[in-house]
N, C-alpha and C. Protein backbone atom coordinates (compact mmCIF):
# COMPACT_ATOMS: atom_id res chain seq x y z
N MET A 1 50.01 8.71 -39.09
CA MET A 1 50.81 8.09 -38.07
C MET A 1 49.94 7.23 -37.17
N GLY A 2 48.64 7.42 -37.20
CA GLY A 2 47.73 6.61 -36.46
C GLY A 2 47.63 7.08 -35.00
N ASN A 3 47.05 6.20 -34.23
CA ASN A 3 46.90 6.49 -32.82
C ASN A 3 48.16 6.32 -32.07
N ILE A 4 48.59 7.30 -31.32
CA ILE A 4 49.79 7.26 -30.58
C ILE A 4 49.50 6.62 -29.24
N PHE A 5 50.31 5.60 -28.90
CA PHE A 5 50.19 4.88 -27.64
C PHE A 5 48.79 4.32 -27.43
N GLY A 6 48.15 3.95 -28.50
CA GLY A 6 46.84 3.25 -28.40
C GLY A 6 45.68 4.14 -27.94
N ARG A 7 45.88 5.41 -27.92
CA ARG A 7 44.73 6.31 -27.56
C ARG A 7 43.72 6.35 -28.66
N LYS A 8 42.52 6.30 -28.27
CA LYS A 8 41.45 6.44 -29.28
C LYS A 8 41.07 7.91 -29.34
N ARG A 9 40.77 8.28 -30.52
CA ARG A 9 40.38 9.69 -30.73
C ARG A 9 38.95 9.89 -30.21
N ARG A 10 38.79 10.88 -29.39
CA ARG A 10 37.44 11.14 -28.82
C ARG A 10 36.59 11.93 -29.82
N PRO A 11 35.32 11.63 -29.83
CA PRO A 11 34.49 12.39 -30.75
C PRO A 11 34.41 13.86 -30.29
N THR A 12 34.38 14.72 -31.26
CA THR A 12 34.34 16.13 -30.95
C THR A 12 33.06 16.55 -30.26
N ARG A 13 33.17 17.52 -29.36
CA ARG A 13 31.96 17.98 -28.64
C ARG A 13 31.50 19.31 -29.20
N VAL A 14 32.07 19.73 -30.30
CA VAL A 14 31.71 21.03 -30.87
C VAL A 14 30.41 20.85 -31.58
N THR A 15 29.37 21.61 -31.21
CA THR A 15 28.09 21.50 -31.79
C THR A 15 27.94 22.52 -32.96
N GLU A 16 26.87 22.34 -33.68
CA GLU A 16 26.57 23.31 -34.76
C GLU A 16 26.38 24.72 -34.18
N GLN A 17 25.76 24.82 -32.98
CA GLN A 17 25.59 26.09 -32.37
C GLN A 17 26.88 26.74 -32.01
N ASP A 18 27.85 25.90 -31.52
CA ASP A 18 29.18 26.44 -31.20
C ASP A 18 29.86 26.99 -32.45
N ARG A 19 29.75 26.26 -33.56
CA ARG A 19 30.33 26.74 -34.80
C ARG A 19 29.71 28.01 -35.26
N ALA A 20 28.39 28.12 -35.13
CA ALA A 20 27.66 29.34 -35.54
C ALA A 20 28.09 30.50 -34.71
N ILE A 21 28.26 30.30 -33.40
CA ILE A 21 28.68 31.35 -32.49
C ILE A 21 30.08 31.82 -32.86
N LEU A 22 30.96 30.86 -33.14
CA LEU A 22 32.33 31.20 -33.54
C LEU A 22 32.33 32.02 -34.83
N GLN A 23 31.58 31.59 -35.81
CA GLN A 23 31.53 32.33 -37.06
C GLN A 23 31.01 33.73 -36.87
N LEU A 24 29.95 33.86 -36.01
CA LEU A 24 29.39 35.21 -35.80
C LEU A 24 30.36 36.11 -35.09
N LYS A 25 31.12 35.56 -34.13
CA LYS A 25 32.13 36.36 -33.41
C LYS A 25 33.29 36.72 -34.36
N GLN A 26 33.66 35.82 -35.21
CA GLN A 26 34.70 36.16 -36.21
C GLN A 26 34.29 37.30 -37.11
N GLN A 27 33.01 37.20 -37.54
CA GLN A 27 32.47 38.21 -38.42
C GLN A 27 32.40 39.56 -37.70
N ARG A 28 31.98 39.55 -36.45
CA ARG A 28 31.94 40.76 -35.61
C ARG A 28 33.28 41.38 -35.51
N ASP A 29 34.33 40.55 -35.26
CA ASP A 29 35.70 41.08 -35.12
C ASP A 29 36.17 41.73 -36.44
N LYS A 30 35.84 41.05 -37.57
CA LYS A 30 36.22 41.66 -38.87
C LYS A 30 35.54 43.01 -39.08
N LEU A 31 34.24 43.10 -38.68
CA LEU A 31 33.54 44.37 -38.76
C LEU A 31 34.16 45.47 -37.90
N LYS A 32 34.61 45.03 -36.72
CA LYS A 32 35.25 46.02 -35.81
C LYS A 32 36.55 46.52 -36.38
N GLN A 33 37.33 45.60 -37.03
CA GLN A 33 38.56 46.02 -37.69
C GLN A 33 38.24 47.02 -38.85
N TYR A 34 37.23 46.70 -39.62
CA TYR A 34 36.81 47.57 -40.70
C TYR A 34 36.35 48.93 -40.16
N GLN A 35 35.67 48.87 -39.07
CA GLN A 35 35.20 50.12 -38.38
C GLN A 35 36.41 50.99 -37.95
N LYS A 36 37.43 50.39 -37.39
CA LYS A 36 38.65 51.13 -37.03
C LYS A 36 39.35 51.74 -38.24
N LYS A 37 39.40 50.93 -39.27
CA LYS A 37 40.05 51.39 -40.53
C LYS A 37 39.32 52.63 -41.06
N ILE A 38 38.00 52.55 -41.10
CA ILE A 38 37.17 53.70 -41.62
C ILE A 38 37.35 54.90 -40.70
N THR A 39 37.33 54.67 -39.41
CA THR A 39 37.48 55.80 -38.49
C THR A 39 38.81 56.53 -38.71
N LEU A 40 39.88 55.74 -38.84
CA LEU A 40 41.20 56.36 -39.10
C LEU A 40 41.17 57.14 -40.44
N GLN A 41 40.57 56.49 -41.42
CA GLN A 41 40.52 57.15 -42.75
C GLN A 41 39.68 58.43 -42.69
N LEU A 42 38.59 58.40 -41.91
CA LEU A 42 37.75 59.62 -41.79
C LEU A 42 38.59 60.73 -41.17
N GLU A 43 39.29 60.42 -40.13
CA GLU A 43 40.12 61.46 -39.47
C GLU A 43 41.16 62.05 -40.40
N LYS A 44 41.81 61.19 -41.22
CA LYS A 44 42.78 61.66 -42.16
C LYS A 44 42.15 62.55 -43.22
N GLU A 45 40.95 62.13 -43.71
CA GLU A 45 40.31 62.91 -44.74
C GLU A 45 39.81 64.25 -44.21
N ARG A 46 39.36 64.30 -42.95
CA ARG A 46 38.94 65.55 -42.35
C ARG A 46 40.14 66.51 -42.28
N LEU A 47 41.29 66.01 -41.86
CA LEU A 47 42.46 66.89 -41.75
C LEU A 47 42.91 67.30 -43.18
N LEU A 48 42.81 66.41 -44.15
CA LEU A 48 43.17 66.73 -45.54
C LEU A 48 42.18 67.81 -46.08
N ALA A 49 40.89 67.68 -45.76
CA ALA A 49 39.90 68.71 -46.20
C ALA A 49 40.26 70.06 -45.62
N LYS A 50 40.66 70.13 -44.37
CA LYS A 50 41.10 71.40 -43.76
C LYS A 50 42.31 71.98 -44.49
N GLN A 51 43.23 71.09 -44.83
CA GLN A 51 44.42 71.55 -45.53
C GLN A 51 44.07 72.09 -46.95
N LEU A 52 43.11 71.34 -47.59
CA LEU A 52 42.71 71.81 -48.94
C LEU A 52 42.02 73.18 -48.88
N LEU A 53 41.22 73.38 -47.81
CA LEU A 53 40.59 74.69 -47.66
C LEU A 53 41.64 75.79 -47.44
N LYS A 54 42.64 75.47 -46.69
CA LYS A 54 43.67 76.46 -46.47
C LYS A 54 44.43 76.81 -47.80
N ASP A 55 44.55 75.74 -48.63
CA ASP A 55 45.30 75.94 -49.85
C ASP A 55 44.38 76.54 -50.94
N GLY A 56 43.09 76.76 -50.61
CA GLY A 56 42.17 77.41 -51.56
C GLY A 56 41.52 76.43 -52.50
N LYS A 57 41.60 75.19 -52.23
CA LYS A 57 41.00 74.21 -53.16
C LYS A 57 39.63 73.74 -52.56
N LYS A 58 38.68 74.64 -52.68
CA LYS A 58 37.44 74.46 -51.99
C LYS A 58 36.64 73.24 -52.64
N GLU A 59 36.68 73.09 -53.98
CA GLU A 59 35.93 72.02 -54.64
C GLU A 59 36.49 70.64 -54.26
N LYS A 60 37.81 70.48 -54.12
CA LYS A 60 38.35 69.22 -53.74
C LYS A 60 37.99 68.92 -52.25
N ALA A 61 38.02 69.99 -51.41
CA ALA A 61 37.67 69.80 -50.03
C ALA A 61 36.18 69.38 -49.94
N LEU A 62 35.35 69.97 -50.71
CA LEU A 62 33.91 69.62 -50.73
C LEU A 62 33.69 68.16 -51.14
N LEU A 63 34.42 67.75 -52.22
CA LEU A 63 34.36 66.38 -52.69
C LEU A 63 34.83 65.38 -51.60
N LEU A 64 35.89 65.77 -50.89
CA LEU A 64 36.40 64.94 -49.82
C LEU A 64 35.45 64.84 -48.66
N LEU A 65 34.74 65.94 -48.36
CA LEU A 65 33.77 65.96 -47.28
C LEU A 65 32.51 65.11 -47.65
N LYS A 66 32.17 65.11 -48.95
CA LYS A 66 31.03 64.22 -49.39
C LYS A 66 31.43 62.74 -49.22
N LYS A 67 32.68 62.46 -49.57
CA LYS A 67 33.14 61.08 -49.39
C LYS A 67 33.16 60.69 -47.89
N LYS A 68 33.59 61.66 -47.10
CA LYS A 68 33.57 61.48 -45.61
C LYS A 68 32.19 61.18 -45.09
N ARG A 69 31.24 61.93 -45.63
CA ARG A 69 29.85 61.76 -45.22
C ARG A 69 29.35 60.36 -45.60
N TYR A 70 29.66 59.88 -46.79
CA TYR A 70 29.29 58.53 -47.21
C TYR A 70 29.95 57.46 -46.30
N GLN A 71 31.17 57.68 -45.94
CA GLN A 71 31.87 56.78 -45.06
C GLN A 71 31.28 56.78 -43.64
N ASP A 72 30.81 57.94 -43.22
CA ASP A 72 30.12 58.02 -41.93
C ASP A 72 28.85 57.12 -41.96
N GLN A 73 28.13 57.15 -43.06
CA GLN A 73 26.99 56.33 -43.18
C GLN A 73 27.36 54.81 -43.18
N LEU A 74 28.45 54.47 -43.81
CA LEU A 74 28.98 53.11 -43.76
C LEU A 74 29.33 52.68 -42.34
N LEU A 75 29.89 53.63 -41.64
CA LEU A 75 30.26 53.38 -40.25
C LEU A 75 29.04 53.08 -39.39
N ASP A 76 27.94 53.86 -39.60
CA ASP A 76 26.68 53.64 -38.93
C ASP A 76 26.15 52.25 -39.24
N LYS A 77 26.16 51.87 -40.54
CA LYS A 77 25.67 50.56 -40.95
C LYS A 77 26.57 49.45 -40.32
N THR A 78 27.84 49.67 -40.24
CA THR A 78 28.69 48.72 -39.66
C THR A 78 28.38 48.53 -38.18
N GLU A 79 28.13 49.61 -37.51
CA GLU A 79 27.73 49.56 -36.07
C GLU A 79 26.42 48.78 -35.85
N ASN A 80 25.49 49.02 -36.75
CA ASN A 80 24.21 48.26 -36.67
C ASN A 80 24.43 46.76 -36.93
N GLN A 81 25.34 46.44 -37.88
CA GLN A 81 25.58 45.04 -38.14
C GLN A 81 26.30 44.41 -36.98
N ILE A 82 27.23 45.08 -36.34
CA ILE A 82 27.89 44.53 -35.13
C ILE A 82 26.88 44.26 -34.04
N SER A 83 25.96 45.24 -33.82
CA SER A 83 24.92 45.05 -32.82
C SER A 83 24.07 43.81 -33.15
N ASN A 84 23.71 43.67 -34.40
CA ASN A 84 22.89 42.49 -34.82
C ASN A 84 23.67 41.19 -34.54
N LEU A 85 24.93 41.16 -34.88
CA LEU A 85 25.71 39.97 -34.66
C LEU A 85 25.80 39.62 -33.15
N GLU A 86 26.07 40.64 -32.37
CA GLU A 86 26.16 40.39 -30.94
C GLU A 86 24.80 39.93 -30.35
N ARG A 87 23.75 40.51 -30.82
CA ARG A 87 22.43 40.08 -30.37
C ARG A 87 22.18 38.66 -30.77
N MET A 88 22.58 38.23 -31.99
CA MET A 88 22.37 36.88 -32.44
C MET A 88 23.21 35.92 -31.62
N VAL A 89 24.45 36.28 -31.28
CA VAL A 89 25.30 35.43 -30.46
C VAL A 89 24.60 35.18 -29.11
N GLN A 90 24.11 36.30 -28.53
CA GLN A 90 23.42 36.19 -27.23
C GLN A 90 22.15 35.28 -27.36
N ASP A 91 21.44 35.47 -28.40
CA ASP A 91 20.20 34.64 -28.62
C ASP A 91 20.57 33.16 -28.74
N ILE A 92 21.66 32.84 -29.46
CA ILE A 92 22.03 31.43 -29.63
C ILE A 92 22.49 30.89 -28.28
N GLU A 93 23.28 31.65 -27.55
CA GLU A 93 23.79 31.18 -26.24
C GLU A 93 22.62 30.98 -25.28
N PHE A 94 21.68 31.86 -25.30
CA PHE A 94 20.48 31.71 -24.43
C PHE A 94 19.65 30.53 -24.85
N ALA A 95 19.55 30.33 -26.13
CA ALA A 95 18.79 29.16 -26.63
C ALA A 95 19.47 27.84 -26.20
N GLN A 96 20.80 27.86 -26.16
CA GLN A 96 21.56 26.66 -25.66
C GLN A 96 21.23 26.40 -24.18
N ILE A 97 21.18 27.51 -23.42
CA ILE A 97 20.82 27.36 -21.95
C ILE A 97 19.42 26.81 -21.85
N GLU A 98 18.50 27.37 -22.67
CA GLU A 98 17.11 26.87 -22.63
C GLU A 98 17.03 25.39 -22.98
N MET A 99 17.84 24.96 -23.94
CA MET A 99 17.83 23.52 -24.32
C MET A 99 18.32 22.65 -23.14
N LYS A 100 19.33 23.13 -22.44
CA LYS A 100 19.82 22.37 -21.28
C LYS A 100 18.79 22.30 -20.19
N VAL A 101 18.05 23.42 -20.01
CA VAL A 101 16.96 23.39 -19.00
C VAL A 101 15.86 22.41 -19.44
N ILE A 102 15.54 22.40 -20.70
CA ILE A 102 14.50 21.47 -21.22
C ILE A 102 14.98 20.03 -21.07
N GLU A 103 16.27 19.79 -21.37
CA GLU A 103 16.78 18.43 -21.15
C GLU A 103 16.71 18.01 -19.70
N GLY A 104 17.04 18.95 -18.82
CA GLY A 104 16.91 18.66 -17.40
C GLY A 104 15.51 18.37 -16.92
N LEU A 105 14.57 19.14 -17.52
CA LEU A 105 13.17 18.90 -17.17
C LEU A 105 12.70 17.54 -17.70
N LYS A 106 13.21 17.17 -18.91
CA LYS A 106 12.84 15.86 -19.42
C LYS A 106 13.33 14.73 -18.51
N VAL A 107 14.60 14.85 -18.09
CA VAL A 107 15.17 13.83 -17.19
C VAL A 107 14.37 13.78 -15.92
N GLY A 108 14.09 14.92 -15.32
CA GLY A 108 13.30 14.98 -14.13
C GLY A 108 11.92 14.38 -14.27
N ASN A 109 11.31 14.69 -15.39
CA ASN A 109 9.98 14.12 -15.65
C ASN A 109 9.95 12.64 -15.80
N GLU A 110 10.98 12.10 -16.51
CA GLU A 110 11.10 10.67 -16.63
C GLU A 110 11.35 10.01 -15.26
N CYS A 111 12.15 10.63 -14.44
CA CYS A 111 12.40 10.13 -13.09
C CYS A 111 11.12 10.07 -12.27
N LEU A 112 10.34 11.15 -12.35
CA LEU A 112 9.04 11.21 -11.66
C LEU A 112 8.13 10.11 -12.14
N LYS A 113 8.07 9.89 -13.48
CA LYS A 113 7.19 8.87 -14.04
C LYS A 113 7.61 7.50 -13.47
N LYS A 114 8.89 7.20 -13.44
CA LYS A 114 9.34 5.91 -12.91
C LYS A 114 8.97 5.77 -11.43
N MET A 115 9.09 6.87 -10.66
CA MET A 115 8.75 6.84 -9.24
C MET A 115 7.25 6.62 -9.12
N HIS A 116 6.51 7.23 -9.94
CA HIS A 116 4.98 7.04 -9.89
C HIS A 116 4.58 5.66 -10.27
N GLU A 117 5.35 5.01 -11.17
CA GLU A 117 5.03 3.60 -11.47
C GLU A 117 5.24 2.75 -10.28
N VAL A 118 6.27 3.02 -9.53
CA VAL A 118 6.58 2.19 -8.34
C VAL A 118 5.53 2.42 -7.26
N MET A 119 5.12 3.65 -7.11
CA MET A 119 4.15 3.95 -6.01
C MET A 119 2.92 4.61 -6.60
N SER A 120 1.79 3.94 -6.43
CA SER A 120 0.54 4.49 -6.87
C SER A 120 -0.12 5.19 -5.65
N ILE A 121 -1.14 5.96 -5.89
CA ILE A 121 -1.89 6.67 -4.86
C ILE A 121 -2.53 5.62 -3.93
N GLU A 122 -3.08 4.58 -4.56
CA GLU A 122 -3.72 3.55 -3.72
C GLU A 122 -2.75 2.88 -2.77
N GLU A 123 -1.55 2.66 -3.28
CA GLU A 123 -0.49 2.02 -2.46
C GLU A 123 -0.09 2.93 -1.30
N VAL A 124 0.05 4.22 -1.62
CA VAL A 124 0.40 5.18 -0.53
C VAL A 124 -0.69 5.24 0.52
N GLU A 125 -1.93 5.27 0.08
CA GLU A 125 -3.06 5.27 1.03
C GLU A 125 -3.08 4.02 1.87
N ARG A 126 -2.83 2.87 1.25
CA ARG A 126 -2.78 1.60 1.98
C ARG A 126 -1.67 1.64 3.01
N ILE A 127 -0.45 2.13 2.65
CA ILE A 127 0.63 2.21 3.57
C ILE A 127 0.32 3.18 4.72
N MET A 128 -0.32 4.31 4.41
CA MET A 128 -0.65 5.25 5.44
C MET A 128 -1.67 4.63 6.40
N ASP A 129 -2.67 3.87 5.89
CA ASP A 129 -3.65 3.22 6.74
C ASP A 129 -2.97 2.20 7.67
N GLU A 130 -2.05 1.42 7.06
CA GLU A 130 -1.37 0.41 7.83
C GLU A 130 -0.51 1.07 8.93
N THR A 131 0.10 2.21 8.60
CA THR A 131 0.94 2.85 9.56
C THR A 131 0.05 3.37 10.71
N GLN A 132 -1.08 3.93 10.37
CA GLN A 132 -2.03 4.43 11.43
C GLN A 132 -2.48 3.28 12.30
N ASP A 133 -2.82 2.14 11.69
CA ASP A 133 -3.26 0.96 12.47
C ASP A 133 -2.12 0.49 13.38
N ALA A 134 -0.90 0.49 12.89
CA ALA A 134 0.24 0.05 13.69
C ALA A 134 0.49 1.02 14.82
N ILE A 135 0.27 2.27 14.64
CA ILE A 135 0.44 3.26 15.71
C ILE A 135 -0.60 3.07 16.78
N GLU A 136 -1.82 2.86 16.37
CA GLU A 136 -2.92 2.59 17.34
C GLU A 136 -2.65 1.35 18.14
N TYR A 137 -2.22 0.29 17.44
CA TYR A 137 -1.95 -1.01 18.14
C TYR A 137 -0.80 -0.80 19.12
N GLN A 138 0.26 -0.08 18.74
CA GLN A 138 1.36 0.19 19.64
C GLN A 138 0.91 1.00 20.81
N ARG A 139 0.04 1.94 20.65
CA ARG A 139 -0.52 2.76 21.76
C ARG A 139 -1.26 1.88 22.73
N GLN A 140 -2.02 0.92 22.24
CA GLN A 140 -2.75 -0.01 23.11
C GLN A 140 -1.82 -0.83 23.93
N ILE A 141 -0.70 -1.31 23.28
CA ILE A 141 0.27 -2.13 23.99
C ILE A 141 0.95 -1.31 25.03
N ASP A 142 1.34 -0.04 24.71
CA ASP A 142 1.96 0.85 25.69
C ASP A 142 1.08 1.07 26.87
N ASP A 143 -0.23 1.30 26.60
CA ASP A 143 -1.20 1.55 27.70
C ASP A 143 -1.24 0.31 28.62
N MET A 144 -1.26 -0.86 28.01
CA MET A 144 -1.32 -2.07 28.81
C MET A 144 -0.09 -2.27 29.64
N LEU A 145 1.06 -2.04 29.04
CA LEU A 145 2.35 -2.21 29.78
C LEU A 145 2.53 -1.16 30.83
N ALA A 146 2.07 0.02 30.60
CA ALA A 146 2.22 1.11 31.57
C ALA A 146 1.20 0.97 32.71
N GLY A 147 0.32 0.05 32.57
CA GLY A 147 -0.63 -0.14 33.63
C GLY A 147 -1.67 0.97 33.67
N SER A 148 -1.94 1.57 32.57
CA SER A 148 -2.96 2.57 32.52
C SER A 148 -4.27 2.02 32.92
N LEU A 149 -4.98 2.89 33.65
CA LEU A 149 -6.27 2.47 34.14
C LEU A 149 -7.36 3.05 33.27
N THR A 150 -8.44 2.35 33.19
CA THR A 150 -9.58 2.86 32.52
C THR A 150 -10.21 3.91 33.32
N GLN A 151 -11.15 4.65 32.76
CA GLN A 151 -11.82 5.71 33.48
C GLN A 151 -12.52 5.12 34.71
N GLU A 152 -13.08 3.99 34.55
CA GLU A 152 -13.81 3.32 35.64
C GLU A 152 -12.83 2.98 36.80
N ASP A 153 -11.61 2.51 36.40
CA ASP A 153 -10.59 2.22 37.45
C ASP A 153 -10.13 3.51 38.13
N GLU A 154 -9.96 4.54 37.37
CA GLU A 154 -9.53 5.84 37.94
C GLU A 154 -10.58 6.37 38.90
N ASP A 155 -11.86 6.25 38.57
CA ASP A 155 -12.93 6.67 39.47
C ASP A 155 -12.90 5.86 40.80
N ALA A 156 -12.68 4.56 40.69
CA ALA A 156 -12.61 3.69 41.86
C ALA A 156 -11.44 4.07 42.80
N VAL A 157 -10.30 4.37 42.17
CA VAL A 157 -9.09 4.77 42.96
C VAL A 157 -9.40 6.10 43.66
N LEU A 158 -9.98 7.06 43.01
CA LEU A 158 -10.29 8.36 43.62
C LEU A 158 -11.31 8.16 44.73
N ALA A 159 -12.26 7.32 44.58
CA ALA A 159 -13.25 7.06 45.62
C ALA A 159 -12.59 6.44 46.86
N GLU A 160 -11.64 5.53 46.62
CA GLU A 160 -10.95 4.94 47.71
C GLU A 160 -10.09 5.93 48.44
N LEU A 161 -9.44 6.84 47.71
CA LEU A 161 -8.64 7.86 48.37
C LEU A 161 -9.54 8.78 49.18
N GLU A 162 -10.66 9.10 48.72
CA GLU A 162 -11.62 9.95 49.42
C GLU A 162 -12.07 9.30 50.74
N ALA A 163 -12.35 8.02 50.61
CA ALA A 163 -12.80 7.26 51.81
C ALA A 163 -11.72 7.22 52.84
N ILE A 164 -10.47 7.04 52.43
CA ILE A 164 -9.38 6.98 53.40
C ILE A 164 -9.19 8.33 54.06
N THR A 165 -9.24 9.45 53.34
CA THR A 165 -9.03 10.73 53.93
C THR A 165 -10.20 11.10 54.86
N GLN A 166 -11.41 10.64 54.66
CA GLN A 166 -12.47 10.98 55.51
C GLN A 166 -12.42 10.15 56.82
N GLN A 167 -11.91 8.97 56.77
CA GLN A 167 -11.86 8.17 57.99
C GLN A 167 -10.79 8.65 58.92
N GLY A 168 -9.88 9.41 58.45
CA GLY A 168 -8.82 9.91 59.31
C GLY A 168 -7.76 8.90 59.57
N GLU A 169 -7.67 7.90 58.82
CA GLU A 169 -6.61 6.90 59.05
C GLU A 169 -5.26 7.58 58.73
N GLU A 170 -4.34 7.25 59.62
CA GLU A 170 -3.03 7.75 59.37
C GLU A 170 -2.20 6.73 58.66
N VAL A 171 -1.50 7.13 57.74
CA VAL A 171 -0.66 6.25 56.94
C VAL A 171 0.72 6.25 57.64
N GLU A 172 1.23 5.09 57.91
CA GLU A 172 2.56 5.00 58.55
C GLU A 172 3.58 5.08 57.44
N LEU A 173 4.54 5.94 57.67
CA LEU A 173 5.65 6.12 56.74
C LEU A 173 6.86 5.41 57.32
N PRO A 174 7.78 4.92 56.50
CA PRO A 174 8.98 4.28 57.02
C PRO A 174 9.84 5.25 57.80
N GLU A 175 10.61 4.73 58.73
CA GLU A 175 11.48 5.57 59.55
C GLU A 175 12.75 5.91 58.77
N VAL A 176 13.21 7.09 59.06
CA VAL A 176 14.46 7.56 58.40
C VAL A 176 15.59 7.24 59.33
N PRO A 177 16.71 6.67 58.85
CA PRO A 177 17.83 6.32 59.74
C PRO A 177 18.43 7.57 60.39
N ALA A 178 18.86 7.46 61.64
CA ALA A 178 19.44 8.58 62.38
C ALA A 178 20.96 8.65 62.22
N GLU A 179 21.56 7.66 61.69
CA GLU A 179 23.01 7.64 61.57
C GLU A 179 23.43 8.61 60.45
N SER A 180 24.61 9.26 60.67
CA SER A 180 25.09 10.16 59.64
C SER A 180 25.86 9.38 58.60
N LEU A 181 25.93 9.91 57.41
CA LEU A 181 26.63 9.24 56.30
C LEU A 181 28.09 9.46 56.44
N PRO A 182 28.95 8.56 55.90
CA PRO A 182 30.39 8.67 55.99
C PRO A 182 30.86 9.89 55.18
N GLU A 183 31.98 10.44 55.62
CA GLU A 183 32.55 11.61 54.93
C GLU A 183 33.25 11.21 53.63
N VAL A 184 33.18 12.03 52.66
CA VAL A 184 33.79 11.79 51.36
C VAL A 184 35.20 12.44 51.40
N PRO A 185 36.24 11.69 51.06
CA PRO A 185 37.61 12.30 50.98
C PRO A 185 37.63 13.34 49.91
N GLU A 186 38.47 14.41 50.18
CA GLU A 186 38.60 15.54 49.28
C GLU A 186 39.48 15.16 48.06
N GLU A 187 40.46 14.36 48.27
CA GLU A 187 41.37 13.96 47.19
C GLU A 187 40.96 12.60 46.68
N GLU A 188 41.18 12.40 45.42
CA GLU A 188 40.86 11.14 44.78
C GLU A 188 41.97 10.13 45.11
N PRO A 189 41.59 8.91 45.43
CA PRO A 189 42.65 7.91 45.68
C PRO A 189 43.43 7.60 44.40
N GLU A 190 44.74 7.34 44.56
CA GLU A 190 45.55 7.01 43.40
C GLU A 190 45.34 5.57 43.00
N PRO A 191 45.39 5.29 41.80
CA PRO A 191 45.11 3.90 41.36
C PRO A 191 46.23 2.95 41.65
């Protein structure tokens, strides 16, 4: 019938690992069904062996118990196979996770390589030196604008202050107005 409404068929995302996991799980499920079947059969044969013993058919009961013993061994083998299948499924799933981690590491590594190509150690050192020079230059400008005094200027100012305080000169301060300030209304005026 072809593509309906022009949709293109997407490529399948099912990997070989996914198929292997599915097959292993299907096999495990078949073994579990077989295990149930044998377990039911063992119970029936055990009851039948009891009945045969009651009926005095000891040899048939013995033969049935030998068969039961063989099936018990099959049941143990089946259990071991189920464990092996489950372990293999877990190993494959974990290997898939590891592959994704490795892919992520590859992408990260490639990204770092590209970033390192853009910035070399020498370029970073050059930028850091330029930044330090710019900071120093700005500090000098700030000092000049703030009127910072050199140590020599500071010493001269302190000496002048000392000289003034020893002479006993009084410094005249401006007078404070004696008028009181206007009162502030308690309510806000309406607009």
